Amino acid sequence: MLPKQDNLPLARQMAVRNLLRSDLAERAARSGGRYEPESEGQGKIRMPYLGRDLSLSFPGGAIEPGNGEGPLSLREEILVFHYLEKATGIPASGKWTSFAEIPGGTFYNPVFLQRCKAPLVKNFGADPQKLMAVAAEEVRGEPFPLGDTGVRVPAFPRVNLGLVLWKGDGEFPPEGNVLFDASITGYLPVEDIVILAETVVWKLIKAKSIAQRA
């Protein structure tokens, strides 16, 4: 099950505790981050996440986002810890896949479609080019060669998302999808893949809304 809001503090605590049982330097290396030891028993992991340069302090588990931005949500902090905890270090496969094709994804696919794909198409389907402009500014998105507009989003050092939109025409409505490199299962459990995609999509929707009001 996807974690409920009132379970998030406990989930965060457990994630930090699990990381402290591991070799943090190894965790950082496998995730594509960098470990910086400090005094005995203390150190930092530095790692990019959705356009931010994070600094994670241990043993406390505090996360400081760079670029002068505000703090991450509790759900995002747990996502970061889970990425570090699960990272295997395997390289990208080069094979892009839909969420339903990910092992275990079939069960969660209705949730994924409702929380991730549907909002993406609803908010950007009529103007796919707006997606590229917003993603480049908000999450360091880059062109992705699929659809009428495709954006590759570097979520973590070794996890990329592909956002794809087709404008549609008089016969067919706009369509879209969120794609993943097949290696993502070496970095996040399937429940967290939903949360990551949802986080990315809604960050872009919010950024679009702010830009329109400016």
N, C-alpha and C. Protein backbone atom coordinates (compact mmCIF):
# COMPACT_ATOMS: atom_id res chain seq x y z
N MET A 1 0.83 -1.20 0.00
CA MET A 1 0.00 0.00 0.00
C MET A 1 0.87 1.25 0.00
N LEU A 2 0.40 2.30 -0.67
CA LEU A 2 1.09 3.58 -0.61
C LEU A 2 0.92 4.17 0.78
N PRO A 3 1.97 4.78 1.36
CA PRO A 3 1.89 5.27 2.73
C PRO A 3 0.87 6.38 2.90
N LYS A 4 0.10 6.34 4.01
CA LYS A 4 -0.83 7.40 4.34
C LYS A 4 -0.09 8.53 5.03
N GLN A 5 -0.69 9.71 5.01
CA GLN A 5 -0.03 10.90 5.55
C GLN A 5 0.38 10.72 7.00
N ASP A 6 -0.50 10.09 7.82
CA ASP A 6 -0.17 9.96 9.23
C ASP A 6 0.89 8.92 9.51
N ASN A 7 1.25 8.13 8.49
CA ASN A 7 2.32 7.14 8.64
C ASN A 7 3.68 7.66 8.20
N LEU A 8 3.70 8.86 7.62
CA LEU A 8 4.93 9.36 7.03
C LEU A 8 6.06 9.61 8.04
N PRO A 9 5.80 10.20 9.22
CA PRO A 9 6.90 10.39 10.18
C PRO A 9 7.57 9.08 10.56
N LEU A 10 6.77 8.04 10.78
CA LEU A 10 7.34 6.73 11.13
C LEU A 10 8.12 6.16 9.95
N ALA A 11 7.58 6.31 8.74
CA ALA A 11 8.27 5.80 7.55
C ALA A 11 9.62 6.50 7.38
N ARG A 12 9.67 7.79 7.64
CA ARG A 12 10.93 8.53 7.54
C ARG A 12 11.92 8.03 8.58
N GLN A 13 11.45 7.86 9.80
CA GLN A 13 12.32 7.39 10.88
C GLN A 13 12.91 6.02 10.56
N MET A 14 12.08 5.13 10.04
CA MET A 14 12.55 3.79 9.69
C MET A 14 13.55 3.83 8.54
N ALA A 15 13.32 4.71 7.58
CA ALA A 15 14.23 4.81 6.43
C ALA A 15 15.61 5.28 6.88
N VAL A 16 15.65 6.28 7.76
CA VAL A 16 16.94 6.77 8.27
C VAL A 16 17.63 5.67 9.08
N ARG A 17 16.86 4.98 9.89
CA ARG A 17 17.44 3.91 10.72
C ARG A 17 18.05 2.82 9.85
N ASN A 18 17.37 2.46 8.77
CA ASN A 18 17.89 1.43 7.86
C ASN A 18 19.19 1.89 7.20
N LEU A 19 19.25 3.15 6.81
CA LEU A 19 20.47 3.66 6.19
C LEU A 19 21.64 3.65 7.16
N LEU A 20 21.38 3.95 8.43
CA LEU A 20 22.46 3.98 9.41
C LEU A 20 23.04 2.60 9.68
N ARG A 21 22.30 1.55 9.33
CA ARG A 21 22.82 0.18 9.48
C ARG A 21 23.72 -0.20 8.31
N SER A 22 23.77 0.64 7.29
CA SER A 22 24.54 0.33 6.09
C SER A 22 25.82 1.15 6.04
N ASP A 23 26.63 0.88 5.03
CA ASP A 23 27.84 1.66 4.76
C ASP A 23 27.41 2.87 3.92
N LEU A 24 27.40 4.06 4.52
CA LEU A 24 26.89 5.24 3.84
C LEU A 24 27.73 5.61 2.61
N ALA A 25 29.03 5.38 2.68
CA ALA A 25 29.88 5.67 1.53
C ALA A 25 29.49 4.77 0.35
N GLU A 26 29.20 3.50 0.65
CA GLU A 26 28.77 2.58 -0.40
C GLU A 26 27.40 2.98 -0.94
N ARG A 27 26.49 3.35 -0.06
CA ARG A 27 25.15 3.79 -0.48
C ARG A 27 25.26 5.00 -1.42
N ALA A 28 26.11 5.93 -1.05
CA ALA A 28 26.29 7.12 -1.88
C ALA A 28 26.85 6.75 -3.25
N ALA A 29 27.85 5.88 -3.26
CA ALA A 29 28.48 5.48 -4.53
C ALA A 29 27.47 4.78 -5.45
N ARG A 30 26.66 3.88 -4.89
CA ARG A 30 25.71 3.15 -5.71
C ARG A 30 24.58 4.03 -6.22
N SER A 31 24.30 5.09 -5.50
CA SER A 31 23.21 5.98 -5.89
C SER A 31 23.66 7.07 -6.85
N GLY A 32 24.97 7.23 -7.02
CA GLY A 32 25.48 8.32 -7.84
C GLY A 32 25.72 9.59 -7.07
N GLY A 33 25.65 9.49 -5.73
CA GLY A 33 25.93 10.64 -4.88
C GLY A 33 27.38 10.66 -4.43
N ARG A 34 27.67 11.49 -3.44
CA ARG A 34 29.04 11.62 -2.93
C ARG A 34 29.00 11.68 -1.40
N TYR A 35 29.80 10.83 -0.78
CA TYR A 35 29.85 10.82 0.69
C TYR A 35 31.03 11.65 1.17
N GLU A 36 30.76 12.50 2.16
CA GLU A 36 31.81 13.35 2.75
C GLU A 36 31.87 13.08 4.26
N PRO A 37 32.85 12.29 4.71
CA PRO A 37 32.95 12.03 6.15
C PRO A 37 33.33 13.29 6.90
N GLU A 38 32.81 13.40 8.10
CA GLU A 38 33.15 14.53 8.96
C GLU A 38 33.79 13.97 10.23
N SER A 39 33.28 14.32 11.39
CA SER A 39 33.84 13.75 12.62
C SER A 39 33.37 12.30 12.74
N GLU A 40 33.91 11.57 13.70
CA GLU A 40 33.60 10.15 13.86
C GLU A 40 32.09 9.95 14.01
N GLY A 41 31.56 9.06 13.16
CA GLY A 41 30.14 8.76 13.21
C GLY A 41 29.26 9.77 12.50
N GLN A 42 29.85 10.76 11.89
CA GLN A 42 29.07 11.78 11.21
C GLN A 42 29.57 11.98 9.78
N GLY A 43 28.66 12.37 8.92
CA GLY A 43 29.04 12.62 7.53
C GLY A 43 27.87 13.14 6.74
N LYS A 44 28.13 13.51 5.48
CA LYS A 44 27.09 14.04 4.60
C LYS A 44 27.10 13.27 3.28
N ILE A 45 25.92 13.11 2.73
CA ILE A 45 25.79 12.62 1.36
C ILE A 45 25.24 13.77 0.52
N ARG A 46 25.94 14.08 -0.56
CA ARG A 46 25.49 15.14 -1.47
C ARG A 46 25.00 14.48 -2.76
N MET A 47 23.82 14.94 -3.22
CA MET A 47 23.18 14.26 -4.34
C MET A 47 22.15 15.18 -4.98
N PRO A 48 22.10 15.23 -6.30
CA PRO A 48 21.06 16.01 -6.95
C PRO A 48 19.71 15.29 -6.94
N TYR A 49 18.65 16.08 -6.87
CA TYR A 49 17.29 15.55 -6.91
C TYR A 49 16.38 16.61 -7.52
N LEU A 50 15.82 16.32 -8.68
CA LEU A 50 14.88 17.20 -9.36
C LEU A 50 15.34 18.67 -9.40
N GLY A 51 16.55 18.86 -9.84
CA GLY A 51 17.05 20.21 -10.00
C GLY A 51 17.61 20.85 -8.75
N ARG A 52 17.59 20.12 -7.64
CA ARG A 52 18.15 20.63 -6.39
C ARG A 52 19.40 19.83 -6.03
N ASP A 53 20.34 20.49 -5.38
CA ASP A 53 21.54 19.81 -4.91
C ASP A 53 21.39 19.59 -3.41
N LEU A 54 21.04 18.36 -3.04
CA LEU A 54 20.73 18.05 -1.65
C LEU A 54 21.97 17.75 -0.84
N SER A 55 21.89 18.07 0.44
CA SER A 55 22.91 17.68 1.41
C SER A 55 22.21 16.95 2.55
N LEU A 56 22.53 15.67 2.73
CA LEU A 56 21.92 14.84 3.76
C LEU A 56 22.92 14.62 4.87
N SER A 57 22.56 14.98 6.09
CA SER A 57 23.47 14.87 7.23
C SER A 57 23.10 13.64 8.06
N PHE A 58 24.12 12.87 8.42
CA PHE A 58 23.93 11.68 9.26
C PHE A 58 24.84 11.78 10.48
N PRO A 59 24.36 11.25 11.62
CA PRO A 59 23.27 10.28 11.78
C PRO A 59 21.88 10.87 11.90
N GLY A 60 21.71 12.18 11.96
CA GLY A 60 20.39 12.74 12.20
C GLY A 60 19.42 12.60 11.05
N GLY A 61 19.93 12.61 9.81
CA GLY A 61 19.06 12.47 8.65
C GLY A 61 18.45 13.77 8.16
N ALA A 62 18.98 14.92 8.58
CA ALA A 62 18.46 16.20 8.10
C ALA A 62 18.81 16.37 6.62
N ILE A 63 17.88 16.93 5.86
CA ILE A 63 18.09 17.18 4.43
C ILE A 63 18.02 18.67 4.17
N GLU A 64 19.09 19.21 3.61
CA GLU A 64 19.14 20.62 3.25
C GLU A 64 19.12 20.74 1.73
N PRO A 65 18.06 21.33 1.16
CA PRO A 65 18.03 21.53 -0.28
C PRO A 65 18.88 22.73 -0.67
N GLY A 66 19.59 22.60 -1.76
CA GLY A 66 20.41 23.71 -2.24
C GLY A 66 19.61 24.67 -3.07
N ASN A 67 20.30 25.53 -3.77
CA ASN A 67 19.72 26.51 -4.71
C ASN A 67 18.81 27.51 -4.02
N GLY A 68 18.93 27.63 -2.69
CA GLY A 68 18.13 28.60 -1.97
C GLY A 68 16.65 28.30 -1.94
N GLU A 69 16.27 27.03 -2.18
CA GLU A 69 14.87 26.67 -2.22
C GLU A 69 14.39 26.20 -0.85
N GLY A 70 13.08 26.09 -0.72
CA GLY A 70 12.47 25.66 0.53
C GLY A 70 12.68 24.18 0.78
N PRO A 71 12.24 23.71 1.95
CA PRO A 71 12.46 22.31 2.32
C PRO A 71 11.64 21.35 1.46
N LEU A 72 12.10 20.11 1.38
CA LEU A 72 11.33 19.07 0.72
C LEU A 72 10.14 18.70 1.59
N SER A 73 9.10 18.19 0.95
CA SER A 73 7.99 17.63 1.71
C SER A 73 8.46 16.35 2.40
N LEU A 74 7.71 15.93 3.41
CA LEU A 74 8.05 14.70 4.12
C LEU A 74 8.04 13.51 3.18
N ARG A 75 7.08 13.48 2.28
CA ARG A 75 7.00 12.39 1.32
C ARG A 75 8.24 12.37 0.41
N GLU A 76 8.71 13.54 0.00
CA GLU A 76 9.90 13.59 -0.84
C GLU A 76 11.14 13.14 -0.06
N GLU A 77 11.24 13.54 1.20
CA GLU A 77 12.39 13.11 2.00
C GLU A 77 12.44 11.59 2.09
N ILE A 78 11.31 10.96 2.31
CA ILE A 78 11.26 9.50 2.37
C ILE A 78 11.68 8.90 1.03
N LEU A 79 11.24 9.51 -0.05
CA LEU A 79 11.62 9.06 -1.39
C LEU A 79 13.14 9.08 -1.56
N VAL A 80 13.77 10.16 -1.12
CA VAL A 80 15.23 10.29 -1.21
C VAL A 80 15.91 9.19 -0.40
N PHE A 81 15.46 8.96 0.83
CA PHE A 81 16.06 7.93 1.67
C PHE A 81 15.87 6.54 1.06
N HIS A 82 14.69 6.28 0.53
CA HIS A 82 14.45 4.97 -0.09
C HIS A 82 15.33 4.77 -1.32
N TYR A 83 15.54 5.82 -2.09
CA TYR A 83 16.44 5.72 -3.24
C TYR A 83 17.84 5.33 -2.79
N LEU A 84 18.35 5.99 -1.76
CA LEU A 84 19.67 5.65 -1.24
C LEU A 84 19.71 4.23 -0.71
N GLU A 85 18.66 3.83 -0.03
CA GLU A 85 18.63 2.51 0.60
C GLU A 85 18.61 1.39 -0.42
N LYS A 86 17.87 1.59 -1.53
CA LYS A 86 17.68 0.51 -2.50
C LYS A 86 18.70 0.51 -3.63
N ALA A 87 19.39 1.62 -3.86
CA ALA A 87 20.25 1.77 -5.04
C ALA A 87 21.22 0.61 -5.19
N THR A 88 21.22 0.00 -6.38
CA THR A 88 22.11 -1.13 -6.67
C THR A 88 23.34 -0.71 -7.46
N GLY A 89 23.28 0.46 -8.09
CA GLY A 89 24.39 0.89 -8.92
C GLY A 89 24.33 0.38 -10.34
N ILE A 90 23.28 -0.35 -10.71
CA ILE A 90 23.21 -0.89 -12.08
C ILE A 90 23.05 0.26 -13.08
N PRO A 91 23.63 0.12 -14.27
CA PRO A 91 23.54 1.20 -15.27
C PRO A 91 22.17 1.23 -15.92
N ALA A 92 21.86 2.34 -16.56
CA ALA A 92 20.61 2.44 -17.32
C ALA A 92 20.60 1.41 -18.44
N SER A 93 19.43 0.82 -18.68
CA SER A 93 19.32 -0.22 -19.70
C SER A 93 19.15 0.36 -21.09
N GLY A 94 18.67 1.60 -21.17
CA GLY A 94 18.36 2.17 -22.47
C GLY A 94 17.01 1.76 -22.98
N LYS A 95 16.30 0.91 -22.23
CA LYS A 95 14.96 0.45 -22.61
C LYS A 95 13.94 1.21 -21.79
N TRP A 96 13.11 1.99 -22.45
CA TRP A 96 12.06 2.75 -21.76
C TRP A 96 10.80 1.93 -21.69
N THR A 97 10.13 1.98 -20.55
CA THR A 97 8.98 1.12 -20.31
C THR A 97 7.87 1.89 -19.63
N SER A 98 6.65 1.46 -19.84
CA SER A 98 5.52 2.07 -19.14
C SER A 98 5.45 1.54 -17.72
N PHE A 99 4.68 2.22 -16.89
CA PHE A 99 4.55 1.79 -15.50
C PHE A 99 3.94 0.40 -15.41
N ALA A 100 2.95 0.10 -16.23
CA ALA A 100 2.29 -1.20 -16.18
C ALA A 100 3.24 -2.35 -16.48
N GLU A 101 4.32 -2.06 -17.22
CA GLU A 101 5.28 -3.11 -17.59
C GLU A 101 6.34 -3.33 -16.53
N ILE A 102 6.42 -2.46 -15.54
CA ILE A 102 7.37 -2.63 -14.44
C ILE A 102 6.90 -3.79 -13.58
N PRO A 103 7.79 -4.68 -13.14
CA PRO A 103 7.36 -5.78 -12.25
C PRO A 103 6.60 -5.24 -11.04
N GLY A 104 5.39 -5.72 -10.83
CA GLY A 104 4.55 -5.23 -9.75
C GLY A 104 3.71 -4.03 -10.12
N GLY A 105 3.93 -3.47 -11.30
CA GLY A 105 3.23 -2.25 -11.69
C GLY A 105 1.76 -2.46 -12.03
N THR A 106 1.39 -3.65 -12.45
CA THR A 106 0.01 -3.90 -12.85
C THR A 106 -0.96 -3.60 -11.71
N PHE A 107 -0.60 -4.00 -10.51
CA PHE A 107 -1.48 -3.82 -9.35
C PHE A 107 -1.74 -2.34 -9.08
N TYR A 108 -0.68 -1.52 -9.20
CA TYR A 108 -0.78 -0.10 -8.89
C TYR A 108 -1.14 0.75 -10.11
N ASN A 109 -1.32 0.13 -11.27
CA ASN A 109 -1.51 0.92 -12.48
C ASN A 109 -2.74 1.83 -12.44
N PRO A 110 -3.88 1.41 -11.89
CA PRO A 110 -5.01 2.34 -11.80
C PRO A 110 -4.68 3.60 -11.00
N VAL A 111 -3.91 3.43 -9.91
CA VAL A 111 -3.49 4.58 -9.11
C VAL A 111 -2.55 5.45 -9.92
N PHE A 112 -1.63 4.83 -10.63
CA PHE A 112 -0.67 5.57 -11.46
C PHE A 112 -1.39 6.40 -12.53
N LEU A 113 -2.34 5.78 -13.20
CA LEU A 113 -3.06 6.48 -14.26
C LEU A 113 -3.82 7.69 -13.70
N GLN A 114 -4.43 7.53 -12.54
CA GLN A 114 -5.21 8.60 -11.94
C GLN A 114 -4.34 9.73 -11.41
N ARG A 115 -3.23 9.39 -10.77
CA ARG A 115 -2.42 10.39 -10.08
C ARG A 115 -1.33 11.00 -10.95
N CYS A 116 -0.94 10.30 -11.99
CA CYS A 116 0.23 10.75 -12.77
C CYS A 116 -0.12 11.06 -14.23
N LYS A 117 -0.59 10.04 -14.95
CA LYS A 117 -0.84 10.24 -16.38
C LYS A 117 -1.99 11.22 -16.63
N ALA A 118 -3.11 11.04 -15.95
CA ALA A 118 -4.28 11.89 -16.20
C ALA A 118 -3.99 13.37 -15.95
N PRO A 119 -3.36 13.74 -14.82
CA PRO A 119 -3.05 15.16 -14.61
C PRO A 119 -2.07 15.72 -15.64
N LEU A 120 -1.11 14.90 -16.07
CA LEU A 120 -0.16 15.35 -17.09
C LEU A 120 -0.89 15.72 -18.37
N VAL A 121 -1.75 14.83 -18.85
CA VAL A 121 -2.47 15.07 -20.10
C VAL A 121 -3.45 16.23 -19.94
N LYS A 122 -4.17 16.28 -18.83
CA LYS A 122 -5.16 17.34 -18.61
C LYS A 122 -4.53 18.72 -18.62
N ASN A 123 -3.36 18.86 -18.00
CA ASN A 123 -2.76 20.19 -17.83
C ASN A 123 -1.81 20.60 -18.95
N PHE A 124 -1.30 19.63 -19.71
CA PHE A 124 -0.33 19.98 -20.76
C PHE A 124 -0.70 19.45 -22.14
N GLY A 125 -1.72 18.59 -22.23
CA GLY A 125 -2.03 17.96 -23.51
C GLY A 125 -2.38 18.93 -24.62
N ALA A 126 -3.07 20.02 -24.29
CA ALA A 126 -3.46 20.99 -25.31
C ALA A 126 -2.30 21.88 -25.75
N ASP A 127 -1.23 21.92 -24.97
CA ASP A 127 -0.07 22.77 -25.28
C ASP A 127 1.20 22.05 -24.86
N PRO A 128 1.58 20.99 -25.58
CA PRO A 128 2.73 20.18 -25.18
C PRO A 128 4.03 20.96 -25.05
N GLN A 129 4.21 22.00 -25.90
CA GLN A 129 5.45 22.75 -25.83
C GLN A 129 5.63 23.45 -24.49
N LYS A 130 4.53 23.75 -23.83
CA LYS A 130 4.61 24.37 -22.51
C LYS A 130 5.28 23.43 -21.51
N LEU A 131 5.09 22.15 -21.69
CA LEU A 131 5.72 21.16 -20.81
C LEU A 131 7.23 21.28 -20.87
N MET A 132 7.79 21.41 -22.07
CA MET A 132 9.25 21.50 -22.21
C MET A 132 9.77 22.75 -21.54
N ALA A 133 9.09 23.86 -21.72
CA ALA A 133 9.55 25.12 -21.14
C ALA A 133 9.53 25.08 -19.62
N VAL A 134 8.45 24.55 -19.06
CA VAL A 134 8.31 24.49 -17.60
C VAL A 134 9.31 23.50 -17.01
N ALA A 135 9.45 22.33 -17.65
CA ALA A 135 10.35 21.30 -17.11
C ALA A 135 11.80 21.75 -17.16
N ALA A 136 12.21 22.45 -18.21
CA ALA A 136 13.59 22.93 -18.30
C ALA A 136 13.90 23.88 -17.16
N GLU A 137 12.94 24.71 -16.82
CA GLU A 137 13.13 25.70 -15.76
C GLU A 137 13.05 25.09 -14.37
N GLU A 138 12.12 24.17 -14.19
CA GLU A 138 11.79 23.67 -12.84
C GLU A 138 12.63 22.48 -12.42
N VAL A 139 12.90 21.52 -13.32
CA VAL A 139 13.55 20.27 -12.92
C VAL A 139 14.70 19.87 -13.86
N ARG A 140 15.25 20.85 -14.56
CA ARG A 140 16.37 20.59 -15.48
C ARG A 140 16.00 19.57 -16.56
N GLY A 141 14.75 19.66 -17.03
CA GLY A 141 14.30 18.75 -18.07
C GLY A 141 15.03 18.99 -19.38
N GLU A 142 15.16 17.92 -20.17
CA GLU A 142 15.84 17.97 -21.46
C GLU A 142 14.96 17.34 -22.53
N PRO A 143 15.15 17.67 -23.81
CA PRO A 143 14.35 17.06 -24.87
C PRO A 143 14.48 15.54 -24.89
N PHE A 144 13.36 14.90 -25.16
CA PHE A 144 13.27 13.44 -25.19
C PHE A 144 12.56 13.07 -26.49
N PRO A 145 13.18 12.24 -27.35
CA PRO A 145 12.69 12.08 -28.72
C PRO A 145 11.50 11.13 -28.86
N LEU A 146 10.39 11.45 -28.19
CA LEU A 146 9.16 10.69 -28.37
C LEU A 146 7.98 11.65 -28.35
N GLY A 147 6.89 11.26 -29.02
CA GLY A 147 5.69 12.06 -29.00
C GLY A 147 5.83 13.38 -29.75
N ASP A 148 4.79 14.23 -29.65
CA ASP A 148 4.89 15.59 -30.18
C ASP A 148 5.84 16.42 -29.32
N THR A 149 5.82 16.15 -28.03
CA THR A 149 6.78 16.74 -27.11
C THR A 149 7.20 15.67 -26.11
N GLY A 150 8.48 15.50 -25.94
CA GLY A 150 9.00 14.57 -24.94
C GLY A 150 10.04 15.28 -24.09
N VAL A 151 9.99 15.00 -22.79
CA VAL A 151 10.92 15.62 -21.85
C VAL A 151 11.55 14.54 -20.98
N ARG A 152 12.87 14.52 -20.92
CA ARG A 152 13.56 13.62 -20.00
C ARG A 152 13.85 14.39 -18.72
N VAL A 153 13.40 13.85 -17.61
CA VAL A 153 13.57 14.51 -16.31
C VAL A 153 14.57 13.71 -15.48
N PRO A 154 15.74 14.29 -15.15
CA PRO A 154 16.70 13.61 -14.28
C PRO A 154 16.26 13.74 -12.82
N ALA A 155 15.50 12.76 -12.35
CA ALA A 155 14.96 12.83 -10.99
C ALA A 155 16.05 12.62 -9.95
N PHE A 156 16.80 11.55 -10.11
CA PHE A 156 17.96 11.22 -9.28
C PHE A 156 19.14 10.97 -10.21
N PRO A 157 20.36 10.86 -9.68
CA PRO A 157 21.50 10.64 -10.56
C PRO A 157 21.34 9.43 -11.49
N ARG A 158 20.63 8.39 -11.04
CA ARG A 158 20.49 7.19 -11.86
C ARG A 158 19.05 6.80 -12.11
N VAL A 159 18.16 7.77 -12.00
CA VAL A 159 16.75 7.55 -12.32
C VAL A 159 16.25 8.72 -13.15
N ASN A 160 15.83 8.43 -14.38
CA ASN A 160 15.25 9.42 -15.27
C ASN A 160 13.81 9.05 -15.59
N LEU A 161 12.98 10.05 -15.75
CA LEU A 161 11.61 9.86 -16.21
C LEU A 161 11.48 10.45 -17.60
N GLY A 162 10.64 9.83 -18.42
CA GLY A 162 10.32 10.39 -19.74
C GLY A 162 8.86 10.81 -19.77
N LEU A 163 8.60 12.09 -19.91
CA LEU A 163 7.25 12.61 -20.03
C LEU A 163 6.95 12.82 -21.51
N VAL A 164 5.87 12.20 -21.99
CA VAL A 164 5.57 12.20 -23.42
C VAL A 164 4.15 12.67 -23.66
N LEU A 165 3.97 13.56 -24.63
CA LEU A 165 2.64 14.08 -24.96
C LEU A 165 2.41 14.06 -26.47
N TRP A 166 1.17 13.75 -26.84
CA TRP A 166 0.70 13.87 -28.21
C TRP A 166 -0.48 14.84 -28.20
N LYS A 167 -0.47 15.83 -29.08
CA LYS A 167 -1.47 16.90 -29.06
C LYS A 167 -2.88 16.40 -29.35
N GLY A 168 -3.01 15.40 -30.19
CA GLY A 168 -4.33 15.00 -30.64
C GLY A 168 -4.78 15.88 -31.80
N ASP A 169 -5.98 15.59 -32.31
CA ASP A 169 -6.53 16.37 -33.41
C ASP A 169 -8.05 16.34 -33.29
N GLY A 170 -8.74 16.65 -34.37
CA GLY A 170 -10.19 16.66 -34.32
C GLY A 170 -10.80 15.30 -34.06
N GLU A 171 -10.04 14.25 -34.36
CA GLU A 171 -10.56 12.88 -34.19
C GLU A 171 -10.15 12.26 -32.86
N PHE A 172 -8.92 12.57 -32.40
CA PHE A 172 -8.40 11.96 -31.19
C PHE A 172 -8.04 13.03 -30.16
N PRO A 173 -8.34 12.79 -28.89
CA PRO A 173 -7.97 13.75 -27.85
C PRO A 173 -6.47 13.69 -27.55
N PRO A 174 -5.93 14.67 -26.83
CA PRO A 174 -4.52 14.59 -26.43
C PRO A 174 -4.26 13.32 -25.63
N GLU A 175 -3.04 12.84 -25.74
CA GLU A 175 -2.63 11.62 -25.03
C GLU A 175 -1.24 11.84 -24.48
N GLY A 176 -0.86 11.02 -23.53
CA GLY A 176 0.47 11.15 -22.94
C GLY A 176 0.80 9.98 -22.06
N ASN A 177 2.01 9.99 -21.53
CA ASN A 177 2.43 8.93 -20.62
C ASN A 177 3.68 9.36 -19.88
N VAL A 178 3.98 8.65 -18.81
CA VAL A 178 5.23 8.79 -18.08
C VAL A 178 5.97 7.48 -18.23
N LEU A 179 7.19 7.53 -18.77
CA LEU A 179 7.98 6.33 -19.02
C LEU A 179 9.18 6.28 -18.08
N PHE A 180 9.73 5.07 -17.94
CA PHE A 180 10.85 4.84 -17.03
C PHE A 180 11.86 3.93 -17.70
N ASP A 181 13.15 4.16 -17.41
CA ASP A 181 14.15 3.18 -17.83
C ASP A 181 13.91 1.90 -17.03
N ALA A 182 14.08 0.77 -17.69
CA ALA A 182 13.80 -0.51 -17.04
C ALA A 182 14.66 -0.74 -15.79
N SER A 183 15.75 0.00 -15.66
CA SER A 183 16.62 -0.17 -14.49
C SER A 183 16.04 0.44 -13.23
N ILE A 184 14.91 1.13 -13.31
CA ILE A 184 14.38 1.84 -12.14
C ILE A 184 14.09 0.90 -10.97
N THR A 185 13.80 -0.36 -11.25
CA THR A 185 13.52 -1.29 -10.16
C THR A 185 14.77 -1.59 -9.33
N GLY A 186 15.93 -1.21 -9.83
CA GLY A 186 17.15 -1.33 -9.05
C GLY A 186 17.40 -0.13 -8.14
N TYR A 187 16.42 0.81 -8.12
CA TYR A 187 16.61 2.03 -7.34
C TYR A 187 15.40 2.41 -6.48
N LEU A 188 14.22 2.00 -6.88
CA LEU A 188 13.02 2.36 -6.11
C LEU A 188 12.03 1.20 -6.12
N PRO A 189 11.34 0.95 -5.00
CA PRO A 189 10.23 0.00 -5.03
C PRO A 189 9.07 0.58 -5.82
N VAL A 190 8.19 -0.27 -6.26
CA VAL A 190 7.14 0.15 -7.18
C VAL A 190 6.23 1.23 -6.59
N GLU A 191 5.95 1.15 -5.29
CA GLU A 191 5.11 2.17 -4.67
C GLU A 191 5.75 3.56 -4.77
N ASP A 192 7.06 3.60 -4.58
CA ASP A 192 7.77 4.88 -4.65
C ASP A 192 7.88 5.40 -6.07
N ILE A 193 7.82 4.52 -7.05
CA ILE A 193 7.84 4.97 -8.44
C ILE A 193 6.58 5.79 -8.73
N VAL A 194 5.45 5.36 -8.19
CA VAL A 194 4.21 6.14 -8.32
C VAL A 194 4.39 7.52 -7.68
N ILE A 195 4.93 7.53 -6.47
CA ILE A 195 5.10 8.79 -5.74
C ILE A 195 6.05 9.73 -6.48
N LEU A 196 7.13 9.18 -7.03
CA LEU A 196 8.07 10.01 -7.78
C LEU A 196 7.41 10.63 -9.00
N ALA A 197 6.70 9.82 -9.78
CA ALA A 197 6.04 10.34 -10.98
C ALA A 197 5.00 11.39 -10.61
N GLU A 198 4.23 11.12 -9.58
CA GLU A 198 3.21 12.08 -9.14
C GLU A 198 3.86 13.39 -8.69
N THR A 199 4.98 13.28 -7.97
CA THR A 199 5.68 14.47 -7.50
C THR A 199 6.17 15.32 -8.67
N VAL A 200 6.75 14.68 -9.67
CA VAL A 200 7.25 15.41 -10.83
C VAL A 200 6.12 16.11 -11.58
N VAL A 201 5.06 15.36 -11.86
CA VAL A 201 3.94 15.91 -12.63
C VAL A 201 3.34 17.12 -11.93
N TRP A 202 3.12 17.01 -10.62
CA TRP A 202 2.46 18.11 -9.91
C TRP A 202 3.40 19.30 -9.67
N LYS A 203 4.69 19.06 -9.60
CA LYS A 203 5.63 20.18 -9.55
C LYS A 203 5.52 21.01 -10.84
N LEU A 204 5.40 20.33 -11.96
CA LEU A 204 5.32 21.02 -13.24
C LEU A 204 3.98 21.73 -13.40
N ILE A 205 2.91 21.09 -12.93
CA ILE A 205 1.60 21.74 -12.98
C ILE A 205 1.60 23.01 -12.15
N LYS A 206 2.15 22.93 -10.96
CA LYS A 206 2.23 24.10 -10.08
C LYS A 206 3.07 25.21 -10.71
N ALA A 207 4.21 24.83 -11.30
CA ALA A 207 5.07 25.83 -11.94
C ALA A 207 4.36 26.49 -13.11
N LYS A 208 3.61 25.72 -13.89
CA LYS A 208 2.84 26.30 -14.99
C LYS A 208 1.81 27.29 -14.49
N SER A 209 1.13 26.93 -13.42
CA SER A 209 0.11 27.82 -12.86
C SER A 209 0.72 29.13 -12.36
N ILE A 210 1.87 29.05 -11.70
CA ILE A 210 2.54 30.25 -11.21
C ILE A 210 2.97 31.14 -12.37
N ALA A 211 3.51 30.51 -13.43
CA ALA A 211 3.97 31.26 -14.60
C ALA A 211 2.80 31.98 -15.28
N GLN A 212 1.65 31.35 -15.31
CA GLN A 212 0.48 31.97 -15.95
C GLN A 212 -0.04 33.16 -15.17
N ARG A 213 0.14 33.13 -13.84
CA ARG A 213 -0.34 34.24 -13.01
C ARG A 213 0.63 35.41 -12.97
N ALA A 214 1.90 35.12 -13.38
CA ALA A 214 2.93 36.17 -13.28
C ALA A 214 2.69 37.28 -14.31
